[in-house]
Amino acid sequence: MKREESLLTNPTKLYVMLILQESDRHGYEIISEFKRRLGKRLSPGQIYPLLKSMVKKGLVNFYEESQGKRRRRVYRLTQEGREVCEGAVEKLKELFDALR
């Protein structure tokens, strides 16, 4: 599937989807979790265009949540996003199995 292949060539996108597969998160939480796990900091200039692109492709959607006076977009994988993410993970497993 073409979308799964796109995730294999863009590990940042795949990892963001894996983070969202665990739970809904707003952009700063995604940035923080990415840094905690991989030691690499994503900038807002990287994550928000990526999330916008994923929303446009139907892989992710969002809802707004209030935190004090601030409103945040909380992102979640769509069913299609979950399927694409799972397919990409399966392809990676097949790739690693072939390398053994």
Protein backbone atom coordinates (compact mmCIF):
# COMPACT_ATOMS: atom_id res chain seq x y z
CA MET A 1 0.00 0.00 0.00
CA LYS A 2 1.39 3.39 -0.99
CA ARG A 3 0.65 5.11 2.34
CA GLU A 4 2.50 2.43 4.27
CA GLU A 5 5.52 2.86 1.99
CA SER A 6 5.44 6.60 2.65
CA LEU A 7 5.67 5.89 6.38
CA LEU A 8 8.66 3.64 5.82
CA THR A 9 10.53 6.44 4.07
CA ASN A 10 9.57 8.99 6.74
CA PRO A 11 10.42 7.54 10.16
CA THR A 12 9.41 10.75 11.95
CA LYS A 13 5.90 10.45 10.56
CA LEU A 14 5.70 6.78 11.51
CA TYR A 15 6.94 7.48 15.03
CA VAL A 16 4.43 10.30 15.51
CA MET A 17 1.69 7.89 14.43
CA LEU A 18 2.97 5.25 16.85
CA ILE A 19 2.84 7.83 19.66
CA LEU A 20 -0.75 8.72 18.69
CA GLN A 21 -1.66 5.05 18.50
CA GLU A 22 -1.06 4.86 22.26
CA SER A 23 -3.19 7.88 23.17
CA ASP A 24 -4.56 11.20 21.96
CA ARG A 25 -2.05 14.04 22.42
CA HIS A 26 -1.63 17.71 21.66
CA GLY A 27 1.38 18.94 19.70
CA TYR A 28 3.58 19.79 22.68
CA GLU A 29 2.94 16.33 24.19
CA ILE A 30 3.99 14.72 20.91
CA ILE A 31 7.17 16.84 20.84
CA SER A 32 7.94 15.94 24.47
CA GLU A 33 7.30 12.22 24.02
CA PHE A 34 9.39 12.11 20.85
CA LYS A 35 12.27 13.78 22.72
CA ARG A 36 11.91 11.47 25.73
CA ARG A 37 11.98 8.32 23.61
CA LEU A 38 14.44 9.21 20.88
CA GLY A 39 16.50 12.04 22.34
CA LYS A 40 15.65 14.17 19.30
CA ARG A 41 13.62 17.34 19.60
CA LEU A 42 11.01 18.10 16.98
CA SER A 43 10.36 21.78 16.49
CA PRO A 44 6.85 23.23 16.19
CA GLY A 45 7.82 24.05 12.59
CA GLN A 46 8.24 20.32 11.97
CA ILE A 47 5.36 18.81 13.93
CA TYR A 48 2.46 21.11 13.06
CA PRO A 49 2.87 20.94 9.26
CA LEU A 50 3.27 17.17 9.60
CA LEU A 51 0.07 16.91 11.66
CA LYS A 52 -1.76 19.19 9.22
CA SER A 53 -0.69 16.96 6.33
CA MET A 54 -1.81 13.84 8.20
CA VAL A 55 -5.21 15.46 8.93
CA LYS A 56 -5.59 16.34 5.25
CA LYS A 57 -4.82 12.72 4.27
CA GLY A 58 -7.39 11.39 6.74
CA LEU A 59 -4.84 9.61 8.92
CA VAL A 60 -5.33 11.88 11.94
CA ASN A 61 -8.13 14.10 13.20
CA PHE A 62 -8.34 16.44 16.16
CA TYR A 63 -10.66 17.93 18.72
CA GLU A 64 -10.22 21.07 20.78
CA GLU A 65 -9.78 21.01 24.52
CA SER A 66 -9.60 23.86 27.01
CA GLN A 67 -6.73 24.08 29.49
CA GLY A 68 -7.38 27.17 31.55
CA LYS A 69 -7.76 30.05 29.12
CA ARG A 70 -5.89 28.16 26.44
CA ARG A 71 -7.48 25.97 23.76
CA ARG A 72 -5.43 23.11 22.38
CA ARG A 73 -5.88 20.78 19.48
CA VAL A 74 -5.67 17.20 20.61
CA TYR A 75 -4.75 14.81 17.81
CA ARG A 76 -5.87 11.20 17.42
CA LEU A 77 -5.41 8.54 14.78
CA THR A 78 -8.41 7.80 12.60
CA GLN A 79 -9.34 4.20 11.88
CA GLU A 80 -7.61 4.56 8.52
CA GLY A 81 -4.55 5.97 10.29
CA ARG A 82 -4.46 2.97 12.62
CA GLU A 83 -4.68 0.56 9.69
CA VAL A 84 -1.93 2.34 7.76
CA CYS A 85 0.28 2.47 10.86
CA GLU A 86 -0.24 -1.23 11.59
CA GLY A 87 0.49 -2.07 7.94
CA ALA A 88 3.75 -0.11 8.05
CA VAL A 89 4.81 -1.86 11.25
CA GLU A 90 4.10 -5.23 9.63
CA LYS A 91 6.19 -4.28 6.60
CA LEU A 92 9.05 -3.28 8.91
CA LYS A 93 8.80 -6.62 10.71
CA GLU A 94 8.95 -8.42 7.36
CA LEU A 95 11.99 -6.36 6.37
CA PHE A 96 13.83 -7.16 9.59
CA ASP A 97 12.90 -10.84 9.34
CA ALA A 98 14.33 -10.92 5.82
CA LEU A 99 17.61 -9.47 7.12
CA ARG A 100 18.09 -12.25 9.66
